[in-house]
Amino acid sequence: MASLNRRQVLQGVAAAGGALAAPQIRAQGKPEKLVYVGDNGPWHWCLTEEVAPAFEKATGIKVDFTLLPVDPWQARLRTELGAGSSGIDIVQFSVGMAGWVAPHMEDHEKLLTQIAERHPDFDWDDFLTGSKKAARYDGKLAGIPYRITTGILHYQKPLLDTAGMTPPATWAEFLKAALALNTPPDRYGFGIFGRQGAGISYGFAPWLYSNGGRLVDFGTGQIFINDAKAVEALQFYADLVTKYKVVPPESMTWEFDDIVAGGQNDRYAMVQMFAPYGTLINNPKLSKTGGRWGWTTVPGPQSKDQGRTWIDGHALGVPRYTKNREWALEFIQLACSKQWMKRSMVRGNAPPRRSVLEDPEMVKAIGWPPVAAAAIETGYPTPANPTWGTLEIQLRSGLSQALLGQKSPKDTLDAVASDWRRSLRRAGIGR
């Protein structure tokens, strides 16, 4: 990526829509710092190492990042936003959090007017429609999309070529490839999010959705997580660990950073994970396997067109309680500008701007963007209903038991469904 060095990006920011409009902000005093609270996924490097220093250089304001594992991150936001605390200036929230975060956020439809006045070429129309929907809940735009991602199949192309195989289109082809490429203890056929944490649901979702399974209808309270399609999907997924043993044993402790490191250290031949993680595992400067990876949409049970996956992402927003609204908004527009989003893509982000995803230079250099775009077209967004957070934690426990062989998939999902019924009743859903 020599053609996209930091100096060129900074020059572009200074010359175009990423330029700061700090002199125009007169409504508020200038704080010493802004507090940003988000998760610790391995895609923040551009924000923390490049955007924030550029912002500080232009304004004199430091951005203080608090980046936490998923559960502590959500707990921190629930506590402080619930108390109306002014201690957070910039909130990073995911699609599934929008339901409970939105009431605490400014109406960003109105804030976009301010951005347009200061930065006429910010170009809101450039953001993918799906990303705008993901940042909206109950009719309110709660933030500006920064990241829109999905699950795709990453595979080491030379290994498949040597085995005389093509990227798997069906579950049978996938299993055949995983077995053929499984060479323990040096390398295994397939890597997974095995830790009982936020990543484990992302690991199971493509198998569920591809098999025609569903989660729950929040309107009626009807539960689908333990129907025959879901059980069949979990049986296939769990068998990869317990029966076929094509999964690295240590992956049962893996979450976000760990699954990337596993790919970089050649611990698996294939993996279903976040599309932009492909940038990190395919970078020769970071990865032993750099340059070997290819990408395709997830396989379907009997045909490729049955493959379905999840859609998720993150938005950056200004909470109603901050005393530094104008400055927080200025940082967000800088981070979400075309120039910095292009740079962020090089460093592992999945920008929601169409112009960045379709940039020929990006497609040639990175590879996975058109695959991600195809997956997003047919994928299922993470539920944003506030009750989903409780249900998802209950699902994690069940999936972990199945992957560890402690319960059969049928017993696991029946228990999850029972927990969900109680949680939905407490939330007043489906009575």
Protein backbone atom coordinates (compact mmCIF):
# COMPACT_ATOMS: atom_id res chain seq x y z
CA MET A 1 0.00 0.00 0.00
CA ALA A 2 2.86 2.40 -0.73
CA SER A 3 0.48 4.54 -2.78
CA LEU A 4 -1.52 5.27 0.37
CA ASN A 5 1.08 6.46 2.79
CA ARG A 6 0.28 8.58 5.81
CA ARG A 7 1.67 11.81 4.36
CA GLN A 8 -0.57 11.60 1.30
CA VAL A 9 -3.62 10.91 3.43
CA LEU A 10 -2.86 13.86 5.69
CA GLN A 11 -2.42 16.08 2.66
CA GLY A 12 -5.76 14.90 1.33
CA VAL A 13 -7.41 15.60 4.67
CA ALA A 14 -5.99 19.08 4.76
CA ALA A 15 -7.14 19.80 1.22
CA ALA A 16 -10.63 18.32 1.14
CA GLY A 17 -13.65 17.19 3.13
CA GLY A 18 -11.62 15.93 6.05
CA ALA A 19 -10.38 19.42 6.86
CA LEU A 20 -11.33 20.67 10.29
CA ALA A 21 -13.59 23.64 10.75
CA ALA A 22 -12.34 24.42 14.24
CA PRO A 23 -12.32 28.21 13.79
CA GLN A 24 -16.08 28.07 13.10
CA ILE A 25 -16.86 26.47 16.47
CA ARG A 26 -17.59 29.34 18.81
CA ALA A 27 -20.59 28.11 20.75
CA GLN A 28 -18.50 26.17 23.25
CA GLY A 29 -15.26 26.62 25.11
CA LYS A 30 -12.43 24.36 24.07
CA PRO A 31 -11.88 21.37 26.39
CA GLU A 32 -8.49 19.85 27.06
CA LYS A 33 -9.74 16.45 25.95
CA LEU A 34 -12.66 14.46 24.58
CA VAL A 35 -13.54 11.08 26.08
CA TYR A 36 -14.26 8.30 23.59
CA VAL A 37 -15.69 4.98 24.82
CA GLY A 38 -15.75 1.96 22.54
CA ASP A 39 -14.80 -1.68 22.20
CA ASN A 40 -11.25 -2.98 21.76
CA GLY A 41 -11.61 -4.66 18.36
CA PRO A 42 -8.47 -4.58 16.18
CA TRP A 43 -9.78 -1.93 13.80
CA HIS A 44 -9.28 1.23 15.87
CA TRP A 45 -5.68 1.83 14.92
CA CYS A 46 -6.40 4.51 12.35
CA LEU A 47 -8.62 6.31 14.86
CA THR A 48 -6.18 6.13 17.74
CA GLU A 49 -2.86 6.47 15.95
CA GLU A 50 -3.68 8.81 13.07
CA VAL A 51 -7.06 10.56 13.23
CA ALA A 52 -6.80 11.55 16.90
CA PRO A 53 -3.26 13.00 16.51
CA ALA A 54 -4.40 14.93 13.42
CA PHE A 55 -7.37 16.27 15.39
CA GLU A 56 -5.16 17.24 18.32
CA LYS A 57 -2.68 18.97 16.04
CA ALA A 58 -5.46 21.02 14.46
CA THR A 59 -7.42 21.84 17.61
CA GLY A 60 -5.16 21.30 20.61
CA ILE A 61 -7.73 18.83 21.98
CA LYS A 62 -6.57 15.34 22.96
CA VAL A 63 -8.89 12.39 22.43
CA ASP A 64 -8.83 10.03 25.42
CA PHE A 65 -9.77 6.53 24.22
CA THR A 66 -11.29 4.01 26.61
CA LEU A 67 -11.39 0.79 24.57
CA LEU A 68 -12.79 -2.21 26.43
CA PRO A 69 -13.80 -5.82 25.80
CA VAL A 70 -17.41 -6.02 24.65
CA ASP A 71 -19.11 -6.71 27.97
CA PRO A 72 -17.26 -4.05 30.03
CA TRP A 73 -17.72 -1.58 27.16
CA GLN A 74 -21.48 -2.07 27.14
CA ALA A 75 -21.63 -2.00 30.94
CA ARG A 76 -19.72 1.29 31.02
CA LEU A 77 -22.09 2.88 28.52
CA ARG A 78 -25.21 1.55 30.25
CA THR A 79 -24.03 2.92 33.59
CA GLU A 80 -22.93 6.36 32.48
CA LEU A 81 -25.63 7.00 29.89
CA GLY A 82 -28.27 5.67 32.25
CA ALA A 83 -27.10 8.15 34.88
CA GLY A 84 -27.04 11.03 32.41
CA SER A 85 -23.32 11.47 33.00
CA SER A 86 -21.44 14.10 31.02
CA GLY A 87 -18.25 12.03 31.28
CA ILE A 88 -18.45 10.61 27.75
CA ASP A 89 -18.18 12.83 24.69
CA ILE A 90 -18.12 10.27 21.87
CA VAL A 91 -20.08 7.00 22.04
CA GLN A 92 -19.21 4.09 19.79
CA PHE A 93 -22.14 1.67 19.58
CA SER A 94 -22.86 -1.42 17.53
CA VAL A 95 -25.99 -2.30 15.55
CA GLY A 96 -27.31 -4.55 18.31
CA MET A 97 -26.95 -1.78 20.91
CA ALA A 98 -28.98 0.83 19.02
CA GLY A 99 -32.24 0.05 20.83
CA TRP A 100 -30.97 1.02 24.29
CA VAL A 101 -28.38 3.59 23.20
CA ALA A 102 -30.63 5.69 20.95
CA PRO A 103 -32.66 7.40 23.75
CA HIS A 104 -29.41 8.82 25.15
CA MET A 105 -28.10 10.22 21.87
CA GLU A 106 -28.51 13.48 20.01
CA ASP A 107 -30.68 13.42 16.89
CA HIS A 108 -27.91 13.08 14.32
CA GLU A 109 -30.25 13.97 11.48
CA LYS A 110 -30.07 17.50 12.87
CA LEU A 111 -26.34 17.29 13.50
CA LEU A 112 -25.81 16.36 9.85
CA THR A 113 -27.04 19.83 8.96
CA GLN A 114 -24.22 21.31 11.02
CA ILE A 115 -21.69 19.01 9.38
CA ALA A 116 -22.94 20.01 5.92
CA GLU A 117 -22.60 23.69 6.76
CA ARG A 118 -18.98 23.30 7.86
CA HIS A 119 -18.00 20.58 5.41
CA PRO A 120 -20.10 20.79 2.21
CA ASP A 121 -18.32 17.79 0.68
CA PHE A 122 -18.94 15.44 3.62
CA ASP A 123 -21.47 13.75 1.27
CA TRP A 124 -24.02 11.88 3.38
CA ASP A 125 -25.36 10.28 0.19
CA ASP A 126 -22.06 8.39 -0.13
CA PHE A 127 -22.92 6.22 2.91
CA LEU A 128 -24.47 2.83 2.13
CA THR A 129 -28.21 2.69 2.77
CA GLY A 130 -27.74 -0.36 4.97
CA SER A 131 -25.29 1.48 7.18
CA LYS A 132 -27.77 4.33 7.69
CA LYS A 133 -30.46 1.84 8.69
CA ALA A 134 -28.04 0.19 11.10
CA ALA A 135 -27.44 3.50 12.90
CA ARG A 136 -31.16 4.23 13.22
CA TYR A 137 -33.63 2.97 15.78
CA ASP A 138 -37.33 3.78 16.13
CA GLY A 139 -37.03 6.49 13.50
CA LYS A 140 -34.06 8.26 15.08
CA LEU A 141 -30.56 8.48 13.61
CA ALA A 142 -28.47 7.87 16.72
CA GLY A 143 -24.99 8.21 15.21
CA ILE A 144 -22.87 8.44 12.07
CA PRO A 145 -21.86 5.04 10.64
CA TYR A 146 -18.14 4.36 10.87
CA ARG A 147 -17.97 0.62 10.24
CA ILE A 148 -20.29 -1.79 8.42
CA THR A 149 -19.22 -5.39 8.32
CA THR A 150 -20.35 -8.91 7.74
CA GLY A 151 -19.10 -12.48 7.93
CA ILE A 152 -17.34 -14.00 4.92
CA LEU A 153 -15.21 -17.10 4.35
CA HIS A 154 -11.46 -16.43 4.34
CA TYR A 155 -9.27 -19.21 2.93
CA GLN A 156 -5.63 -19.79 2.13
CA LYS A 157 -5.73 -20.08 -1.63
CA PRO A 158 -2.42 -21.97 -2.14
CA LEU A 159 -3.57 -24.68 0.26
CA LEU A 160 -6.82 -25.22 -1.63
CA ASP A 161 -4.96 -25.14 -4.95
CA THR A 162 -2.47 -27.77 -3.78
CA ALA A 163 -5.35 -29.98 -2.64
CA GLY A 164 -7.03 -29.56 -6.04
CA MET A 165 -10.02 -27.82 -4.49
CA THR A 166 -11.98 -24.64 -5.18
CA PRO A 167 -13.53 -22.41 -2.50
CA PRO A 168 -16.35 -24.47 -0.96
CA ALA A 169 -19.87 -23.62 -2.10
CA THR A 170 -21.76 -26.19 0.01
CA TRP A 171 -21.46 -27.63 3.50
CA ALA A 172 -20.30 -30.96 2.08
CA GLU A 173 -17.56 -29.24 0.09
CA PHE A 174 -16.60 -27.19 3.13
CA LEU A 175 -16.26 -30.27 5.35
CA LYS A 176 -14.24 -32.06 2.66
CA ALA A 177 -11.87 -29.08 2.43
CA ALA A 178 -11.57 -28.70 6.22
CA LEU A 179 -10.62 -32.36 6.55
CA ALA A 180 -8.18 -32.26 3.65
CA LEU A 181 -6.43 -29.15 4.95
CA ASN A 182 -6.35 -30.31 8.56
CA THR A 183 -2.72 -31.07 9.50
CA PRO A 184 -2.53 -30.96 13.31
CA PRO A 185 -0.81 -29.89 15.38
CA ASP A 186 0.81 -27.42 12.96
CA ARG A 187 -2.29 -26.18 11.18
CA TYR A 188 -6.00 -26.98 11.41
CA GLY A 189 -8.75 -26.85 8.82
CA PHE A 190 -10.97 -24.17 10.36
CA GLY A 191 -10.70 -21.45 13.00
CA ILE A 192 -13.61 -20.30 15.17
CA PHE A 193 -14.66 -17.79 17.81
CA GLY A 194 -14.72 -20.39 20.57
CA ARG A 195 -14.63 -18.30 23.73
CA GLN A 196 -17.92 -17.84 25.57
CA GLY A 197 -17.96 -14.14 24.74
CA ALA A 198 -19.32 -11.72 22.19
CA GLY A 199 -17.68 -13.44 19.21
CA ILE A 200 -19.26 -16.86 19.66
CA SER A 201 -22.65 -15.83 18.25
CA TYR A 202 -21.02 -14.46 15.10
CA GLY A 203 -19.43 -17.86 14.59
CA PHE A 204 -22.75 -19.71 14.65
CA ALA A 205 -24.97 -17.19 12.83
CA PRO A 206 -23.95 -18.03 9.22
CA TRP A 207 -24.70 -21.72 9.71
CA LEU A 208 -28.08 -20.85 11.25
CA TYR A 209 -29.11 -18.35 8.59
CA SER A 210 -27.79 -20.40 5.66
CA ASN A 211 -29.90 -23.33 6.82
CA GLY A 212 -33.03 -21.16 6.84
CA GLY A 213 -33.01 -20.74 10.63
CA ARG A 214 -34.13 -17.69 12.57
CA LEU A 215 -33.75 -16.29 16.07
CA VAL A 216 -36.96 -14.77 17.44
CA ASP A 217 -39.87 -12.55 16.40
CA PHE A 218 -39.78 -9.60 18.80
CA GLY A 219 -43.27 -8.57 17.72
CA THR A 220 -44.99 -11.80 18.71
CA GLY A 221 -42.42 -13.39 20.99
CA GLN A 222 -42.25 -16.53 18.83
CA ILE A 223 -38.93 -18.34 19.31
CA PHE A 224 -37.19 -20.19 16.48
CA ILE A 225 -33.76 -20.85 17.98
CA ASN A 226 -34.53 -24.50 18.80
CA ASP A 227 -36.44 -25.53 15.69
CA ALA A 228 -35.17 -28.32 13.42
CA LYS A 229 -33.24 -25.97 11.13
CA ALA A 230 -31.37 -24.39 14.02
CA VAL A 231 -30.54 -27.74 15.62
CA GLU A 232 -29.25 -29.12 12.30
CA ALA A 233 -27.05 -26.04 11.85
CA LEU A 234 -25.56 -26.28 15.34
CA GLN A 235 -24.99 -30.00 14.94
CA PHE A 236 -22.90 -29.40 11.81
CA TYR A 237 -20.99 -26.53 13.44
CA ALA A 238 -20.30 -28.34 16.73
CA ASP A 239 -19.22 -31.51 14.92
CA LEU A 240 -16.33 -29.56 13.39
CA VAL A 241 -14.93 -29.35 16.93
CA THR A 242 -16.10 -32.48 18.70
CA LYS A 243 -16.35 -35.08 15.91
CA TYR A 244 -14.03 -34.04 13.09
CA LYS A 245 -11.50 -32.13 15.22
CA VAL A 246 -10.60 -29.68 12.46
CA VAL A 247 -10.51 -26.72 14.86
CA PRO A 248 -7.38 -25.59 16.78
CA PRO A 249 -7.83 -26.57 20.44
CA GLU A 250 -6.77 -23.10 21.60
CA SER A 251 -9.51 -21.48 19.52
CA MET A 252 -11.93 -22.34 22.32
CA THR A 253 -10.40 -19.30 24.05
CA TRP A 254 -10.42 -17.08 20.95
CA GLU A 255 -12.35 -13.90 20.43
CA PHE A 256 -11.59 -10.92 18.17
CA ASP A 257 -7.86 -10.20 18.45
CA ASP A 258 -7.19 -13.90 18.96
CA ILE A 259 -8.82 -15.13 15.76
CA VAL A 260 -6.85 -12.57 13.77
CA ALA A 261 -3.62 -13.69 15.45
CA GLY A 262 -4.52 -17.29 14.65
CA GLY A 263 -4.68 -16.47 10.96
CA GLN A 264 -1.50 -14.44 11.07
CA ASN A 265 0.29 -17.37 12.72
CA ASP A 266 -1.00 -19.98 10.25
CA ARG A 267 -3.13 -21.87 12.78
CA TYR A 268 -5.96 -22.54 10.32
CA ALA A 269 -6.60 -22.86 6.58
CA MET A 270 -10.10 -21.35 6.57
CA VAL A 271 -12.15 -19.13 8.85
CA GLN A 272 -15.54 -17.41 8.86
CA MET A 273 -15.12 -14.01 10.45
CA PHE A 274 -15.39 -10.27 9.94
CA ALA A 275 -14.62 -9.28 6.34
CA PRO A 276 -12.12 -6.50 7.21
CA TYR A 277 -10.05 -8.87 9.33
CA GLY A 278 -8.88 -10.11 5.94
CA THR A 279 -6.75 -6.97 5.69
CA LEU A 280 -4.97 -7.88 8.91
CA ILE A 281 -4.32 -11.56 8.16
CA ASN A 282 -3.26 -10.89 4.57
CA ASN A 283 -0.73 -8.14 5.32
CA PRO A 284 2.80 -9.59 4.87
CA LYS A 285 4.16 -7.04 7.35
CA LEU A 286 1.87 -8.39 10.06
CA SER A 287 1.22 -11.97 9.08
CA LYS A 288 3.14 -15.15 8.34
CA THR A 289 0.37 -15.99 5.87
CA GLY A 290 0.27 -12.56 4.24
CA GLY A 291 -0.53 -12.67 0.53
CA ARG A 292 -2.06 -16.15 0.64
CA TRP A 293 -5.68 -15.33 1.44
CA GLY A 294 -8.73 -15.33 -0.77
CA TRP A 295 -12.38 -14.60 0.05
CA THR A 296 -15.82 -15.85 -0.82
CA THR A 297 -19.31 -15.71 0.63
CA VAL A 298 -20.23 -18.41 3.12
CA PRO A 299 -21.34 -21.81 1.77
CA GLY A 300 -24.94 -22.95 1.78
CA PRO A 301 -26.19 -26.39 2.89
CA GLN A 302 -26.86 -27.65 -0.65
CA SER A 303 -26.00 -24.71 -2.92
CA LYS A 304 -23.98 -21.51 -2.88
CA ASP A 305 -27.01 -19.26 -3.21
CA GLN A 306 -28.33 -20.53 0.13
CA GLY A 307 -25.40 -18.93 1.95
CA ARG A 308 -26.49 -16.20 4.37
CA THR A 309 -24.63 -14.35 7.05
CA TRP A 310 -24.90 -11.59 9.63
CA ILE A 311 -24.54 -7.83 9.21
CA ASP A 312 -23.17 -5.66 11.96
CA GLY A 313 -21.16 -2.52 12.41
CA HIS A 314 -20.53 0.51 14.54
CA ALA A 315 -21.55 4.14 14.60
CA LEU A 316 -19.97 7.10 16.35
CA GLY A 317 -22.38 9.39 18.15
CA VAL A 318 -22.71 12.41 20.38
CA PRO A 319 -24.55 11.72 23.66
CA ARG A 320 -27.16 14.22 24.85
CA TYR A 321 -25.29 14.78 28.09
CA THR A 322 -21.88 15.89 26.85
CA LYS A 323 -20.76 19.46 27.45
CA ASN A 324 -18.58 19.29 24.34
CA ARG A 325 -21.11 18.54 21.63
CA GLU A 326 -19.61 20.73 18.91
CA TRP A 327 -16.09 19.40 19.36
CA ALA A 328 -17.27 15.78 19.56
CA LEU A 329 -19.19 16.25 16.34
CA GLU A 330 -16.12 17.77 14.70
CA PHE A 331 -14.03 14.73 15.61
CA ILE A 332 -16.70 12.38 14.28
CA GLN A 333 -16.92 14.16 10.93
CA LEU A 334 -13.15 14.01 10.60
CA ALA A 335 -13.05 10.28 11.36
CA CYS A 336 -15.91 9.63 8.92
CA SER A 337 -14.57 11.79 6.10
CA LYS A 338 -13.76 10.11 2.79
CA GLN A 339 -10.03 10.57 3.17
CA TRP A 340 -9.72 9.10 6.65
CA MET A 341 -12.17 6.29 5.92
CA LYS A 342 -10.02 5.27 2.98
CA ARG A 343 -7.00 5.22 5.25
CA SER A 344 -8.91 3.29 7.92
CA MET A 345 -9.72 0.58 5.41
CA VAL A 346 -6.03 -0.03 4.86
CA ARG A 347 -5.72 -0.54 8.60
CA GLY A 348 -8.53 -3.04 9.09
CA ASN A 349 -11.77 -1.04 9.09
CA ALA A 350 -14.81 -1.66 6.86
CA PRO A 351 -16.00 1.82 5.91
CA PRO A 352 -19.67 2.36 5.08
CA ARG A 353 -18.87 4.77 2.24
CA ARG A 354 -19.64 3.42 -1.22
CA SER A 355 -16.87 5.47 -2.82
CA VAL A 356 -14.29 3.82 -0.57
CA LEU A 357 -15.54 0.25 -0.94
CA GLU A 358 -15.72 0.59 -4.72
CA ASP A 359 -12.43 2.43 -5.10
CA PRO A 360 -10.52 0.35 -7.71
CA GLU A 361 -7.29 0.89 -5.81
CA MET A 362 -8.85 -0.51 -2.64
CA VAL A 363 -10.41 -3.49 -4.41
CA LYS A 364 -7.10 -4.36 -6.08
CA ALA A 365 -5.03 -3.89 -2.94
CA ILE A 366 -7.34 -5.43 -0.33
CA GLY A 367 -9.49 -7.97 -2.18
CA TRP A 368 -12.42 -8.62 0.16
CA PRO A 369 -14.65 -5.52 -0.38
CA PRO A 370 -16.76 -6.90 -3.27
CA VAL A 371 -17.28 -10.17 -1.37
CA ALA A 372 -18.45 -8.23 1.69
CA ALA A 373 -20.78 -6.15 -0.47
CA ALA A 374 -22.35 -9.31 -1.88
CA ALA A 375 -22.80 -10.78 1.61
CA ILE A 376 -24.40 -7.59 2.92
CA GLU A 377 -27.02 -7.75 0.16
CA THR A 378 -28.59 -10.91 1.58
CA GLY A 379 -27.43 -10.83 5.20
CA TYR A 380 -29.40 -10.40 8.43
CA PRO A 381 -28.67 -7.39 10.69
CA THR A 382 -27.97 -8.01 14.35
CA PRO A 383 -31.25 -7.48 16.25
CA ALA A 384 -31.43 -3.99 17.77
CA ASN A 385 -34.31 -4.65 20.17
CA PRO A 386 -33.09 -3.82 23.70
CA THR A 387 -34.00 -7.33 24.84
CA TRP A 388 -31.52 -8.88 22.42
CA GLY A 389 -28.58 -8.16 24.71
CA THR A 390 -30.03 -10.47 27.36
CA LEU A 391 -30.98 -13.16 24.84
CA GLU A 392 -27.57 -13.08 23.19
CA ILE A 393 -25.76 -13.65 26.48
CA GLN A 394 -27.99 -16.66 27.12
CA LEU A 395 -27.24 -17.95 23.63
CA ARG A 396 -23.48 -17.67 24.26
CA SER A 397 -23.68 -20.09 27.17
CA GLY A 398 -25.58 -22.65 25.13
CA LEU A 399 -23.25 -22.44 22.14
CA SER A 400 -20.25 -22.89 24.40
CA GLN A 401 -21.74 -26.05 25.92
CA ALA A 402 -22.37 -27.50 22.46
CA LEU A 403 -18.88 -26.67 21.17
CA LEU A 404 -17.30 -28.20 24.27
CA GLY A 405 -19.40 -31.34 23.89
CA GLN A 406 -21.11 -30.84 27.24
CA LYS A 407 -24.63 -30.98 25.75
CA SER A 408 -26.14 -32.13 22.49
CA PRO A 409 -27.17 -29.33 20.09
CA LYS A 410 -30.84 -30.25 20.63
CA ASP A 411 -30.62 -30.08 24.42
CA THR A 412 -28.52 -26.91 24.19
CA LEU A 413 -30.99 -24.99 22.06
CA ASP A 414 -34.02 -26.26 23.98
CA ALA A 415 -32.44 -24.82 27.13
CA VAL A 416 -31.69 -21.54 25.36
CA ALA A 417 -35.29 -21.33 24.15
CA SER A 418 -36.54 -21.88 27.70
CA ASP A 419 -34.34 -19.06 28.97
CA TRP A 420 -35.53 -16.81 26.15
CA ARG A 421 -39.20 -17.39 27.00
CA ARG A 422 -38.63 -16.19 30.55
CA SER A 423 -36.63 -13.18 29.39
CA LEU A 424 -39.21 -12.18 26.80
CA ARG A 425 -42.05 -12.49 29.34
CA ARG A 426 -40.16 -10.24 31.76
CA ALA A 427 -39.76 -7.73 28.94
CA GLY A 428 -43.50 -7.85 28.18
CA ILE A 429 -43.01 -9.53 24.79
CA GLY A 430 -45.28 -12.34 23.64
CA ARG A 431 -47.70 -12.37 26.55
